[in-house]
PDB file of N, CA and C in Angstrom:
ATOM      1  N   MET A   1       9.845 -19.227   1.262  1.00  0.00           N
ATOM      2  CA  MET A   1      10.098 -17.855   1.636  1.00  0.00           C
ATOM      3  C   MET A   1       9.731 -17.695   3.112  1.00  0.00           C
ATOM      4  N   SER A   2      10.618 -17.099   3.872  1.00  0.00           N
ATOM      5  CA  SER A   2      10.347 -16.905   5.292  1.00  0.00           C
ATOM      6  C   SER A   2       9.336 -15.784   5.491  1.00  0.00           C
ATOM      7  N   PHE A   3       8.713 -15.778   6.651  1.00  0.00           N
ATOM      8  CA  PHE A   3       7.696 -14.770   6.956  1.00  0.00           C
ATOM      9  C   PHE A   3       8.290 -13.371   6.919  1.00  0.00           C
ATOM     10  N   LEU A   4       9.477 -13.212   7.484  1.00  0.00           N
ATOM     11  CA  LEU A   4      10.113 -11.901   7.525  1.00  0.00           C
ATOM     12  C   LEU A   4      10.437 -11.385   6.122  1.00  0.00           C
ATOM     13  N   SER A   5      10.933 -12.238   5.249  1.00  0.00           N
ATOM     14  CA  SER A   5      11.232 -11.794   3.882  1.00  0.00           C
ATOM     15  C   SER A   5       9.949 -11.450   3.125  1.00  0.00           C
ATOM     16  N   LEU A   6       8.852 -12.133   3.442  1.00  0.00           N
ATOM     17  CA  LEU A   6       7.556 -11.814   2.833  1.00  0.00           C
ATOM     18  C   LEU A   6       7.087 -10.424   3.256  1.00  0.00           C
ATOM     19  N   ILE A   7       7.238 -10.101   4.539  1.00  0.00           N
ATOM     20  CA  ILE A   7       6.833  -8.795   5.046  1.00  0.00           C
ATOM     21  C   ILE A   7       7.731  -7.689   4.466  1.00  0.00           C
ATOM     22  N   ILE A   8       9.029  -7.937   4.344  1.00  0.00           N
ATOM     23  CA  ILE A   8       9.940  -6.955   3.757  1.00  0.00           C
ATOM     24  C   ILE A   8       9.579  -6.710   2.289  1.00  0.00           C
ATOM     25  N   LYS A   9       9.245  -7.781   1.585  1.00  0.00           N
ATOM     26  CA  LYS A   9       8.838  -7.638   0.187  1.00  0.00           C
ATOM     27  C   LYS A   9       7.562  -6.819   0.084  1.00  0.00           C
ATOM     28  N   LEU A  10       6.587  -7.083   0.959  1.00  0.00           N
ATOM     29  CA  LEU A  10       5.350  -6.300   0.979  1.00  0.00           C
ATOM     30  C   LEU A  10       5.652  -4.831   1.272  1.00  0.00           C
ATOM     31  N   TRP A  11       6.502  -4.587   2.259  1.00  0.00           N
ATOM     32  CA  TRP A  11       6.880  -3.217   2.632  1.00  0.00           C
ATOM     33  C   TRP A  11       7.507  -2.489   1.441  1.00  0.00           C
ATOM     34  N   ASN A  12       8.410  -3.162   0.738  1.00  0.00           N
ATOM     35  CA  ASN A  12       9.072  -2.552  -0.413  1.00  0.00           C
ATOM     36  C   ASN A  12       8.086  -2.233  -1.533  1.00  0.00           C
ATOM     37  N   VAL A  13       7.151  -3.125  -1.790  1.00  0.00           N
ATOM     38  CA  VAL A  13       6.175  -2.917  -2.850  1.00  0.00           C
ATOM     39  C   VAL A  13       5.252  -1.751  -2.510  1.00  0.00           C
ATOM     40  N   LEU A  14       4.818  -1.656  -1.253  1.00  0.00           N
ATOM     41  CA  LEU A  14       3.845  -0.646  -0.862  1.00  0.00           C
ATOM     42  C   LEU A  14       4.445   0.740  -0.663  1.00  0.00           C
ATOM     43  N   ASN A  15       5.744   0.863  -0.506  1.00  0.00           N
ATOM     44  CA  ASN A  15       6.354   2.149  -0.167  1.00  0.00           C
ATOM     45  C   ASN A  15       7.217   2.726  -1.274  1.00  0.00           C
ATOM     46  N   VAL A  16       6.810   2.530  -2.509  1.00  0.00           N
ATOM     47  CA  VAL A  16       7.522   3.122  -3.643  1.00  0.00           C
ATOM     48  C   VAL A  16       6.941   4.507  -3.891  1.00  0.00           C
ATOM     49  N   LYS A  17       7.775   5.542  -3.705  1.00  0.00           N
ATOM     50  CA  LYS A  17       7.303   6.916  -3.871  1.00  0.00           C
ATOM     51  C   LYS A  17       8.035   7.674  -4.975  1.00  0.00           C
ATOM     52  N   THR A  18       9.049   7.058  -5.564  1.00  0.00           N
ATOM     53  CA  THR A  18       9.737   7.681  -6.692  1.00  0.00           C
ATOM     54  C   THR A  18       9.919   6.648  -7.790  1.00  0.00           C
ATOM     55  N   ARG A  19      10.007   7.142  -9.009  1.00  0.00           N
ATOM     56  CA  ARG A  19      10.112   6.262 -10.160  1.00  0.00           C
ATOM     57  C   ARG A  19      11.445   5.518 -10.208  1.00  0.00           C
ATOM     58  N   SER A  20      12.480   6.101  -9.644  1.00  0.00           N
ATOM     59  CA  SER A  20      13.818   5.518  -9.766  1.00  0.00           C
ATOM     60  C   SER A  20      14.314   4.849  -8.485  1.00  0.00           C
ATOM     61  N   LYS A  21      13.457   4.639  -7.506  1.00  0.00           N
ATOM     62  CA  LYS A  21      13.899   4.053  -6.237  1.00  0.00           C
ATOM     63  C   LYS A  21      14.504   2.662  -6.434  1.00  0.00           C
ATOM     64  N   GLY A  22      13.894   1.841  -7.283  1.00  0.00           N
ATOM     65  CA  GLY A  22      14.409   0.495  -7.534  1.00  0.00           C
ATOM     66  C   GLY A  22      15.782   0.491  -8.158  1.00  0.00           C
ATOM     67  N   LYS A  23      16.031   1.454  -9.048  1.00  0.00           N
ATOM     68  CA  LYS A  23      17.352   1.548  -9.676  1.00  0.00           C
ATOM     69  C   LYS A  23      18.403   1.989  -8.670  1.00  0.00           C
ATOM     70  N   HIS A  24      18.058   2.993  -7.856  1.00  0.00           N
ATOM     71  CA  HIS A  24      19.026   3.493  -6.878  1.00  0.00           C
ATOM     72  C   HIS A  24      19.369   2.443  -5.822  1.00  0.00           C
ATOM     73  N   LYS A  25      18.363   1.691  -5.385  1.00  0.00           N
ATOM     74  CA  LYS A  25      18.579   0.677  -4.350  1.00  0.00           C
ATOM     75  C   LYS A  25      18.982  -0.675  -4.916  1.00  0.00           C
ATOM     76  N   ARG A  26      18.919  -0.796  -6.256  1.00  0.00           N
ATOM     77  CA  ARG A  26      19.209  -2.066  -6.936  1.00  0.00           C
ATOM     78  C   ARG A  26      18.344  -3.203  -6.388  1.00  0.00           C
ATOM     79  N   ASP A  27      17.044  -2.901  -6.286  1.00  0.00           N
ATOM     80  CA  ASP A  27      16.085  -3.859  -5.764  1.00  0.00           C
ATOM     81  C   ASP A  27      14.826  -3.779  -6.614  1.00  0.00           C
ATOM     82  N   TYR A  28      14.519  -4.848  -7.347  1.00  0.00           N
ATOM     83  CA  TYR A  28      13.374  -4.846  -8.258  1.00  0.00           C
ATOM     84  C   TYR A  28      12.044  -4.718  -7.524  1.00  0.00           C
ATOM     85  N   THR A  29      12.000  -5.027  -6.227  1.00  0.00           N
ATOM     86  CA  THR A  29      10.748  -4.894  -5.486  1.00  0.00           C
ATOM     87  C   THR A  29      10.385  -3.440  -5.228  1.00  0.00           C
ATOM     88  N   MET A  30      11.327  -2.531  -5.459  1.00  0.00           N
ATOM     89  CA  MET A  30      11.080  -1.105  -5.238  1.00  0.00           C
ATOM     90  C   MET A  30      10.802  -0.351  -6.533  1.00  0.00           C
ATOM     91  N   ASP A  31      10.588  -1.061  -7.628  1.00  0.00           N
ATOM     92  CA  ASP A  31      10.216  -0.424  -8.886  1.00  0.00           C
ATOM     93  C   ASP A  31       8.728  -0.098  -8.869  1.00  0.00           C
ATOM     94  N   PRO A  32       8.305   0.924  -9.614  1.00  0.00           N
ATOM     95  CA  PRO A  32       6.867   1.224  -9.676  1.00  0.00           C
ATOM     96  C   PRO A  32       6.111   0.143 -10.445  1.00  0.00           C
ATOM     97  N   VAL A  33       4.813   0.118 -10.284  1.00  0.00           N
ATOM     98  CA  VAL A  33       3.968  -0.808 -11.035  1.00  0.00           C
ATOM     99  C   VAL A  33       3.805  -0.227 -12.435  1.00  0.00           C
ATOM    100  N   ARG A  34       4.205  -0.976 -13.447  1.00  0.00           N
ATOM    101  CA  ARG A  34       4.176  -0.467 -14.810  1.00  0.00           C
ATOM    102  C   ARG A  34       3.098  -1.105 -15.678  1.00  0.00           C
ATOM    103  N   SER A  35       2.475  -2.174 -15.196  1.00  0.00           N
ATOM    104  CA  SER A  35       1.453  -2.870 -15.981  1.00  0.00           C
ATOM    105  C   SER A  35       0.527  -3.617 -15.029  1.00  0.00           C
ATOM    106  N   SER A  36      -0.725  -3.798 -15.437  1.00  0.00           N
ATOM    107  CA  SER A  36      -1.634  -4.567 -14.588  1.00  0.00           C
ATOM    108  C   SER A  36      -1.268  -6.048 -14.597  1.00  0.00           C
ATOM    109  N   ALA A  37      -0.478  -6.461 -15.577  1.00  0.00           N
ATOM    110  CA  ALA A  37       0.009  -7.841 -15.628  1.00  0.00           C
ATOM    111  C   ALA A  37       1.327  -7.997 -14.870  1.00  0.00           C
ATOM    112  N   ASP A  38       1.812  -6.915 -14.273  1.00  0.00           N
ATOM    113  CA  ASP A  38       3.037  -6.937 -13.477  1.00  0.00           C
ATOM    114  C   ASP A  38       2.850  -7.889 -12.290  1.00  0.00           C
ATOM    115  N   TRP A  39       3.907  -8.335 -11.696  1.00  0.00           N
ATOM    116  CA  TRP A  39       3.820  -9.280 -10.578  1.00  0.00           C
ATOM    117  C   TRP A  39       3.336  -8.601  -9.295  1.00  0.00           C
ATOM    118  N   LYS A  40       3.451  -7.288  -9.195  1.00  0.00           N
ATOM    119  CA  LYS A  40       3.121  -6.609  -7.935  1.00  0.00           C
ATOM    120  C   LYS A  40       1.636  -6.633  -7.598  1.00  0.00           C
ATOM    121  N   PRO A  41       0.717  -6.294  -8.516  1.00  0.00           N
ATOM    122  CA  PRO A  41      -0.707  -6.447  -8.165  1.00  0.00           C
ATOM    123  C   PRO A  41      -1.079  -7.891  -7.847  1.00  0.00           C
ATOM    124  N   GLN A  42      -0.478  -8.821  -8.549  1.00  0.00           N
ATOM    125  CA  GLN A  42      -0.734 -10.239  -8.273  1.00  0.00           C
ATOM    126  C   GLN A  42      -0.199 -10.622  -6.893  1.00  0.00           C
ATOM    127  N   PHE A  43       0.959 -10.088  -6.542  1.00  0.00           N
ATOM    128  CA  PHE A  43       1.530 -10.345  -5.221  1.00  0.00           C
ATOM    129  C   PHE A  43       0.630  -9.792  -4.122  1.00  0.00           C
ATOM    130  N   LEU A  44       0.100  -8.581  -4.320  1.00  0.00           N
ATOM    131  CA  LEU A  44      -0.783  -7.981  -3.319  1.00  0.00           C
ATOM    132  C   LEU A  44      -2.054  -8.809  -3.143  1.00  0.00           C
ATOM    133  N   ARG A  45      -2.614  -9.306  -4.231  1.00  0.00           N
ATOM    134  CA  ARG A  45      -3.802 -10.160  -4.133  1.00  0.00           C
ATOM    135  C   ARG A  45      -3.467 -11.469  -3.428  1.00  0.00           C
ATOM    136  N   ALA A  46      -2.307 -12.043  -3.750  1.00  0.00           N
ATOM    137  CA  ALA A  46      -1.885 -13.291  -3.114  1.00  0.00           C
ATOM    138  C   ALA A  46      -1.634 -13.081  -1.623  1.00  0.00           C
ATOM    139  N   PHE A  47      -1.071 -11.938  -1.254  1.00  0.00           N
ATOM    140  CA  PHE A  47      -0.828 -11.653   0.156  1.00  0.00           C
ATOM    141  C   PHE A  47      -2.147 -11.493   0.905  1.00  0.00           C
ATOM    142  N   ALA A  48      -3.127 -10.857   0.274  1.00  0.00           N
ATOM    143  CA  ALA A  48      -4.453 -10.728   0.895  1.00  0.00           C
ATOM    144  C   ALA A  48      -5.087 -12.107   1.100  1.00  0.00           C
ATOM    145  N   ASN A  49      -4.928 -12.994   0.134  1.00  0.00           N
ATOM    146  CA  ASN A  49      -5.438 -14.361   0.281  1.00  0.00           C
ATOM    147  C   ASN A  49      -4.720 -15.101   1.401  1.00  0.00           C
ATOM    148  N   PHE A  50      -3.403 -14.886   1.508  1.00  0.00           N
ATOM    149  CA  PHE A  50      -2.624 -15.491   2.590  1.00  0.00           C
ATOM    150  C   PHE A  50      -3.152 -15.043   3.951  1.00  0.00           C
ATOM    151  N   LEU A  51      -3.429 -13.745   4.087  1.00  0.00           N
ATOM    152  CA  LEU A  51      -3.964 -13.236   5.355  1.00  0.00           C
ATOM    153  C   LEU A  51      -5.331 -13.832   5.665  1.00  0.00           C
ATOM    154  N   GLN A  52      -6.163 -13.997   4.630  1.00  0.00           N
ATOM    155  CA  GLN A  52      -7.487 -14.595   4.832  1.00  0.00           C
ATOM    156  C   GLN A  52      -7.356 -16.043   5.293  1.00  0.00           C
ATOM    157  N   ARG A  53      -6.471 -16.801   4.670  1.00  0.00           N
ATOM    158  CA  ARG A  53      -6.260 -18.204   5.083  1.00  0.00           C
ATOM    159  C   ARG A  53      -5.711 -18.269   6.503  1.00  0.00           C
ATOM    160  N   TRP A  54      -4.817 -17.339   6.849  1.00  0.00           N
ATOM    161  CA  TRP A  54      -4.230 -17.296   8.184  1.00  0.00           C
ATOM    162  C   TRP A  54      -5.315 -17.014   9.228  1.00  0.00           C
ATOM    163  N   GLU A  55      -6.189 -16.064   8.925  1.00  0.00           N
ATOM    164  CA  GLU A  55      -7.268 -15.741   9.863  1.00  0.00           C
ATOM    165  C   GLU A  55      -8.247 -16.910   9.995  1.00  0.00           C
ATOM    166  N   ASN A  56      -8.550 -17.579   8.894  1.00  0.00           N
ATOM    167  CA  ASN A  56      -9.471 -18.714   8.928  1.00  0.00           C
ATOM    168  C   ASN A  56      -8.902 -19.912   9.666  1.00  0.00           C
ATOM    169  N   SER A  57      -7.580 -20.021   9.731  1.00  0.00           N
ATOM    170  CA  SER A  57      -6.954 -21.170  10.394  1.00  0.00           C
ATOM    171  C   SER A  57      -7.017 -21.075  11.910  1.00  0.00           C
ATOM    172  N   LYS A  58      -7.380 -19.900  12.439  1.00  0.00           N
ATOM    173  CA  LYS A  58      -7.472 -19.652  13.884  1.00  0.00           C
ATOM    174  C   LYS A  58      -6.119 -19.758  14.586  1.00  0.00           C
ATOM    175  N   ALA A  59      -5.040 -19.730  13.816  1.00  0.00           N
ATOM    176  CA  ALA A  59      -3.699 -19.719  14.414  1.00  0.00           C
ATOM    177  C   ALA A  59      -3.446 -18.334  15.003  1.00  0.00           C
ATOM    178  N   PRO A  60      -2.625 -18.233  16.058  1.00  0.00           N
ATOM    179  CA  PRO A  60      -2.325 -16.916  16.624  1.00  0.00           C
ATOM    180  C   PRO A  60      -1.643 -16.023  15.593  1.00  0.00           C
ATOM    181  N   GLY A  61      -1.958 -14.740  15.660  1.00  0.00           N
ATOM    182  CA  GLY A  61      -1.362 -13.811  14.709  1.00  0.00           C
ATOM    183  C   GLY A  61      -1.935 -12.428  14.863  1.00  0.00           C
ATOM    184  N   LEU A  62      -2.288 -11.828  13.756  1.00  0.00           N
ATOM    185  CA  LEU A  62      -2.812 -10.472  13.746  1.00  0.00           C
ATOM    186  C   LEU A  62      -4.233 -10.440  14.313  1.00  0.00           C
ATOM    187  N   SER A  63      -4.608  -9.271  14.839  1.00  0.00           N
ATOM    188  CA  SER A  63      -5.996  -9.120  15.265  1.00  0.00           C
ATOM    189  C   SER A  63      -6.891  -9.115  14.028  1.00  0.00           C
ATOM    190  N   ARG A  64      -8.170  -9.374  14.246  1.00  0.00           N
ATOM    191  CA  ARG A  64      -9.111  -9.426  13.135  1.00  0.00           C
ATOM    192  C   ARG A  64      -9.163  -8.083  12.403  1.00  0.00           C
ATOM    193  N   GLU A  65      -9.132  -6.992  13.159  1.00  0.00           N
ATOM    194  CA  GLU A  65      -9.207  -5.661  12.569  1.00  0.00           C
ATOM    195  C   GLU A  65      -7.966  -5.329  11.749  1.00  0.00           C
ATOM    196  N   THR A  66      -6.788  -5.676  12.281  1.00  0.00           N
ATOM    197  CA  THR A  66      -5.545  -5.416  11.559  1.00  0.00           C
ATOM    198  C   THR A  66      -5.488  -6.240  10.284  1.00  0.00           C
ATOM    199  N   SER A  67      -5.873  -7.498  10.379  1.00  0.00           N
ATOM    200  CA  SER A  67      -5.888  -8.375   9.212  1.00  0.00           C
ATOM    201  C   SER A  67      -6.825  -7.827   8.137  1.00  0.00           C
ATOM    202  N   LEU A  68      -7.994  -7.386   8.557  1.00  0.00           N
ATOM    203  CA  LEU A  68      -8.961  -6.824   7.612  1.00  0.00           C
ATOM    204  C   LEU A  68      -8.419  -5.560   6.953  1.00  0.00           C
ATOM    205  N   ALA A  69      -7.794  -4.690   7.731  1.00  0.00           N
ATOM    206  CA  ALA A  69      -7.245  -3.445   7.190  1.00  0.00           C
ATOM    207  C   ALA A  69      -6.133  -3.727   6.175  1.00  0.00           C
ATOM    208  N   VAL A  70      -5.245  -4.649   6.483  1.00  0.00           N
ATOM    209  CA  VAL A  70      -4.144  -4.960   5.562  1.00  0.00           C
ATOM    210  C   VAL A  70      -4.688  -5.622   4.300  1.00  0.00           C
ATOM    211  N   ARG A  71      -5.659  -6.527   4.455  1.00  0.00           N
ATOM    212  CA  ARG A  71      -6.274  -7.175   3.289  1.00  0.00           C
ATOM    213  C   ARG A  71      -6.935  -6.150   2.382  1.00  0.00           C
ATOM    214  N   HIS A  72      -7.714  -5.259   2.965  1.00  0.00           N
ATOM    215  CA  HIS A  72      -8.397  -4.239   2.159  1.00  0.00           C
ATOM    216  C   HIS A  72      -7.398  -3.309   1.486  1.00  0.00           C
ATOM    217  N   THR A  73      -6.326  -2.960   2.193  1.00  0.00           N
ATOM    218  CA  THR A  73      -5.298  -2.104   1.603  1.00  0.00           C
ATOM    219  C   THR A  73      -4.653  -2.782   0.405  1.00  0.00           C
ATOM    220  N   CYS A  74      -4.278  -4.035   0.567  1.00  0.00           N
ATOM    221  CA  CYS A  74      -3.623  -4.765  -0.530  1.00  0.00           C
ATOM    222  C   CYS A  74      -4.546  -4.906  -1.736  1.00  0.00           C
ATOM    223  N   LEU A  75      -5.787  -5.319  -1.495  1.00  0.00           N
ATOM    224  CA  LEU A  75      -6.725  -5.518  -2.602  1.00  0.00           C
ATOM    225  C   LEU A  75      -7.084  -4.202  -3.291  1.00  0.00           C
ATOM    226  N   SER A  76      -7.301  -3.158  -2.511  1.00  0.00           N
ATOM    227  CA  SER A  76      -7.678  -1.883  -3.122  1.00  0.00           C
ATOM    228  C   SER A  76      -6.516  -1.267  -3.899  1.00  0.00           C
ATOM    229  N   LEU A  77      -5.296  -1.400  -3.400  1.00  0.00           N
ATOM    230  CA  LEU A  77      -4.149  -0.871  -4.140  1.00  0.00           C
ATOM    231  C   LEU A  77      -3.916  -1.635  -5.439  1.00  0.00           C
ATOM    232  N   ALA A  78      -4.113  -2.942  -5.402  1.00  0.00           N
ATOM    233  CA  ALA A  78      -3.964  -3.741  -6.624  1.00  0.00           C
ATOM    234  C   ALA A  78      -5.006  -3.333  -7.663  1.00  0.00           C
ATOM    235  N   GLU A  79      -6.259  -3.170  -7.227  1.00  0.00           N
ATOM    236  CA  GLU A  79      -7.322  -2.774  -8.151  1.00  0.00           C
ATOM    237  C   GLU A  79      -7.125  -1.344  -8.651  1.00  0.00           C
ATOM    238  N   CYS A  80      -6.712  -0.455  -7.777  1.00  0.00           N
ATOM    239  CA  CYS A  80      -6.478   0.936  -8.156  1.00  0.00           C
ATOM    240  C   CYS A  80      -5.344   1.028  -9.175  1.00  0.00           C
ATOM    241  N   ALA A  81      -4.267   0.304  -8.953  1.00  0.00           N
ATOM    242  CA  ALA A  81      -3.149   0.309  -9.901  1.00  0.00           C
ATOM    243  C   ALA A  81      -3.593  -0.231 -11.254  1.00  0.00           C
ATOM    244  N   SER A  82      -4.360  -1.314 -11.251  1.00  0.00           N
ATOM    245  CA  SER A  82      -4.853  -1.878 -12.511  1.00  0.00           C
ATOM    246  C   SER A  82      -5.754  -0.891 -13.240  1.00  0.00           C
ATOM    247  N   TYR A  83      -6.619  -0.215 -12.514  1.00  0.00           N
ATOM    248  CA  TYR A  83      -7.516   0.770 -13.119  1.00  0.00           C
ATOM    249  C   TYR A  83      -6.732   1.938 -13.723  1.00  0.00           C
ATOM    250  N   LEU A  84      -5.776   2.461 -12.972  1.00  0.00           N
ATOM    251  CA  LEU A  84      -4.989   3.591 -13.459  1.00  0.00           C
ATOM    252  C   LEU A  84      -4.172   3.221 -14.691  1.00  0.00           C
ATOM    253  N   LEU A  85      -3.648   2.014 -14.720  1.00  0.00           N
ATOM    254  CA  LEU A  85      -2.817   1.588 -15.846  1.00  0.00           C
ATOM    255  C   LEU A  85      -3.659   1.218 -17.063  1.00  0.00           C
ATOM    256  N   ASP A  86      -4.771   0.527 -16.850  1.00  0.00           N
ATOM    257  CA  ASP A  86      -5.575   0.040 -17.974  1.00  0.00           C
ATOM    258  C   ASP A  86      -6.564   1.069 -18.498  1.00  0.00           C
ATOM    259  N   LYS A  87      -7.307   1.690 -17.621  1.00  0.00           N
ATOM    260  CA  LYS A  87      -8.380   2.592 -18.047  1.00  0.00           C
ATOM    261  C   LYS A  87      -7.896   4.027 -18.294  1.00  0.00           C
ATOM    262  N   LEU A  88      -6.983   4.505 -17.458  1.00  0.00           N
ATOM    263  CA  LEU A  88      -6.525   5.889 -17.582  1.00  0.00           C
ATOM    264  C   LEU A  88      -5.176   6.017 -18.275  1.00  0.00           C
ATOM    265  N   ASP A  89      -4.606   4.908 -18.703  1.00  0.00           N
ATOM    266  CA  ASP A  89      -3.350   4.878 -19.468  1.00  0.00           C
ATOM    267  C   ASP A  89      -2.184   5.542 -18.760  1.00  0.00           C
ATOM    268  N   PHE A  90      -2.064   5.344 -17.461  1.00  0.00           N
ATOM    269  CA  PHE A  90      -0.883   5.814 -16.742  1.00  0.00           C
ATOM    270  C   PHE A  90       0.317   4.986 -17.192  1.00  0.00           C
ATOM    271  N   ALA A  91       1.487   5.590 -17.208  1.00  0.00           N
ATOM    272  CA  ALA A  91       2.715   4.868 -17.570  1.00  0.00           C
ATOM    273  C   ALA A  91       3.195   3.999 -16.418  1.00  0.00           C
ATOM    274  N   TYR A  92       2.966   4.457 -15.190  1.00  0.00           N
ATOM    275  CA  TYR A  92       3.359   3.710 -13.993  1.00  0.00           C
ATOM    276  C   TYR A  92       2.550   4.233 -12.822  1.00  0.00           C
ATOM    277  N   VAL A  93       2.549   3.461 -11.730  1.00  0.00           N
ATOM    278  CA  VAL A  93       1.834   3.848 -10.514  1.00  0.00           C
ATOM    279  C   VAL A  93       2.792   3.715  -9.337  1.00  0.00           C
ATOM    280  N   LEU A  94       2.851   4.759  -8.523  1.00  0.00           N
ATOM    281  CA  LEU A  94       3.662   4.752  -7.304  1.00  0.00           C
ATOM    282  C   LEU A  94       2.722   4.469  -6.131  1.00  0.00           C
ATOM    283  N   LEU A  95       2.749   3.250  -5.643  1.00  0.00           N
ATOM    284  CA  LEU A  95       1.814   2.838  -4.597  1.00  0.00           C
ATOM    285  C   LEU A  95       2.021   3.583  -3.288  1.00  0.00           C
ATOM    286  N   GLY A  96       3.201   4.087  -3.037  1.00  0.00           N
ATOM    287  CA  GLY A  96       3.469   4.818  -1.809  1.00  0.00           C
ATOM    288  C   GLY A  96       2.690   6.117  -1.700  1.00  0.00           C
ATOM    289  N   HIS A  97       2.253   6.656  -2.844  1.00  0.00           N
ATOM    290  CA  HIS A  97       1.473   7.898  -2.828  1.00  0.00           C
ATOM    291  C   HIS A  97      -0.018   7.641  -2.701  1.00  0.00           C
ATOM    292  N   LEU A  98      -0.436   6.388  -2.737  1.00  0.00           N
ATOM    293  CA  LEU A  98      -1.854   6.048  -2.599  1.00  0.00           C
ATOM    294  C   LEU A  98      -2.192   5.572  -1.196  1.00  0.00           C
ATOM    295  N   GLN A  99      -1.254   5.641  -0.294  1.00  0.00           N
ATOM    296  CA  GLN A  99      -1.455   5.170   1.077  1.00  0.00           C
ATOM    297  C   GLN A  99      -2.305   6.151   1.868  1.00  0.00           C
ATOM    298  N   PRO A 100      -3.087   5.666   2.824  1.00  0.00           N
ATOM    299  CA  PRO A 100      -3.927   6.550   3.634  1.00  0.00           C
ATOM    300  C   PRO A 100      -3.120   7.584   4.424  1.00  0.00           C
ATOM    301  N   GLY A 101      -1.946   7.238   4.889  1.00  0.00           N
ATOM    302  CA  GLY A 101      -1.134   8.175   5.663  1.00  0.00           C
ATOM    303  C   GLY A 101      -0.758   9.397   4.859  1.00  0.00           C
ATOM    304  N   THR A 102      -0.399   9.197   3.601  1.00  0.00           N
ATOM    305  CA  THR A 102      -0.047  10.307   2.727  1.00  0.00           C
ATOM    306  C   THR A 102      -1.268  11.184   2.466  1.00  0.00           C
ATOM    307  N   ILE A 103      -2.406  10.557   2.230  1.00  0.00           N
ATOM    308  CA  ILE A 103      -3.629  11.308   1.961  1.00  0.00           C
ATOM    309  C   ILE A 103      -4.062  12.078   3.205  1.00  0.00           C
ATOM    310  N   GLU A 104      -4.026  11.430   4.375  1.00  0.00           N
ATOM    311  CA  GLU A 104      -4.400  12.108   5.618  1.00  0.00           C
ATOM    312  C   GLU A 104      -3.449  13.260   5.925  1.00  0.00           C
ATOM    313  N   SER A 105      -2.178  13.083   5.631  1.00  0.00           N
ATOM    314  CA  SER A 105      -1.208  14.147   5.849  1.00  0.00           C
ATOM    315  C   SER A 105      -1.539  15.361   4.984  1.00  0.00           C
ATOM    316  N   ARG A 106      -1.905  15.103   3.747  1.00  0.00           N
ATOM    317  CA  ARG A 106      -2.263  16.196   2.836  1.00  0.00           C
ATOM    318  C   ARG A 106      -3.510  16.930   3.327  1.00  0.00           C
ATOM    319  N   PHE A 107      -4.532  16.189   3.752  1.00  0.00           N
ATOM    320  CA  PHE A 107      -5.746  16.829   4.263  1.00  0.00           C
ATOM    321  C   PHE A 107      -5.441  17.626   5.533  1.00  0.00           C
ATOM    322  N   GLY A 108      -4.579  17.109   6.395  1.00  0.00           N
ATOM    323  CA  GLY A 108      -4.189  17.837   7.600  1.00  0.00           C
ATOM    324  C   GLY A 108      -3.484  19.136   7.267  1.00  0.00           C
ATOM    325  N   TRP A 109      -2.618  19.092   6.262  1.00  0.00           N
ATOM    326  CA  TRP A 109      -1.910  20.288   5.828  1.00  0.00           C
ATOM    327  C   TRP A 109      -2.891  21.323   5.288  1.00  0.00           C
ATOM    328  N   LEU A 110      -3.859  20.860   4.458  1.00  0.00           N
ATOM    329  CA  LEU A 110      -4.870  21.775   3.918  1.00  0.00           C
ATOM    330  C   LEU A 110      -5.750  22.346   5.029  1.00  0.00           C
ATOM    331  N   GLN A 111      -6.042  21.532   6.034  1.00  0.00           N
ATOM    332  CA  GLN A 111      -6.849  21.999   7.159  1.00  0.00           C
ATOM    333  C   GLN A 111      -6.108  23.095   7.924  1.00  0.00           C
ATOM    334  N   GLN A 112      -4.813  22.933   8.100  1.00  0.00           N
ATOM    335  CA  GLN A 112      -4.025  23.949   8.781  1.00  0.00           C
ATOM    336  C   GLN A 112      -3.978  25.253   7.967  1.00  0.00           C
ATOM    337  N   LEU A 113      -3.932  25.140   6.664  1.00  0.00           N
ATOM    338  CA  LEU A 113      -3.932  26.328   5.816  1.00  0.00           C
ATOM    339  C   LEU A 113      -5.231  27.120   5.941  1.00  0.00           C
ATOM    340  N   SER A 114      -6.325  26.408   6.239  1.00  0.00           N
ATOM    341  CA  SER A 114      -7.620  27.083   6.333  1.00  0.00           C
ATOM    342  C   SER A 114      -7.856  27.661   7.726  1.00  0.00           C
ATOM    343  N   GLY A 115      -6.869  27.606   8.605  1.00  0.00           N
ATOM    344  CA  GLY A 115      -6.974  28.234   9.921  1.00  0.00           C
ATOM    345  C   GLY A 115      -7.427  27.329  11.026  1.00  0.00           C
ATOM    346  N   ALA A 116      -7.326  26.030  10.875  1.00  0.00           N
ATOM    347  CA  ALA A 116      -7.723  25.100  11.928  1.00  0.00           C
ATOM    348  C   ALA A 116      -6.748  25.178  13.093  1.00  0.00           C
ATOM    349  N   ASN A 117      -7.262  24.952  14.284  1.00  0.00           N
ATOM    350  CA  ASN A 117      -6.435  24.981  15.489  1.00  0.00           C
ATOM    351  C   ASN A 117      -5.940  23.561  15.759  1.00  0.00           C
ATOM    352  N   TYR A 118      -4.621  23.365  15.665  1.00  0.00           N
ATOM    353  CA  TYR A 118      -4.044  22.033  15.850  1.00  0.00           C
ATOM    354  C   TYR A 118      -4.156  21.574  17.290  1.00  0.00           C
ATOM    355  N   PHE A 119      -3.964  22.483  18.263  1.00  0.00           N
ATOM    356  CA  PHE A 119      -3.969  22.126  19.686  1.00  0.00           C
ATOM    357  C   PHE A 119      -5.339  22.440  20.307  1.00  0.00           C
ATOM    358  N   ILE A 120      -6.359  21.826  19.766  1.00  0.00           N
ATOM    359  CA  ILE A 120      -7.713  22.075  20.274  1.00  0.00           C
ATOM    360  C   ILE A 120      -7.923  21.294  21.569  1.00  0.00           C
ATOM    361  N   SER A 121      -8.700  21.859  22.504  1.00  0.00           N
ATOM    362  CA  SER A 121      -8.960  21.188  23.771  1.00  0.00           C
ATOM    363  C   SER A 121     -10.433  21.352  24.124  1.00  0.00           C
ATOM    364  N   VAL A 122     -10.845  20.693  25.197  1.00  0.00           N
ATOM    365  CA  VAL A 122     -12.222  20.756  25.657  1.00  0.00           C
ATOM    366  C   VAL A 122     -12.542  22.144  26.198  1.00  0.00           C
ATOM    367  N   LYS A 123     -11.568  22.807  26.775  1.00  0.00           N
ATOM    368  CA  LYS A 123     -11.773  24.154  27.331  1.00  0.00           C
ATOM    369  C   LYS A 123     -12.188  25.107  26.246  1.00  0.00           C
TER     370      LYS A 123
END
């Protein structure tokens, strides 16, 4: 598998925000996670291991901080999906809604509702 196809596969797995996206796009990588035994949590763990091996090899690539952030994101999403499916009996998990950007966007929206000034300055 080429590096680019690996990154596209990761992107597709992490950005599922609707239950039917995989059907509409006819791409199984865009289906939601339906079981902790599904290939997607295993893929995320394997990708995190790949990043760790890449960083340990000292080959040029991602910065240490970026590598750490992507590894933590992959591992935490895999564990969160497994927890939601196994312990809380969810039917499926949409990983695109568990991303930090979505959560930060929601908090920003709530902050604006409470009267926060978006264009704050030192003055």
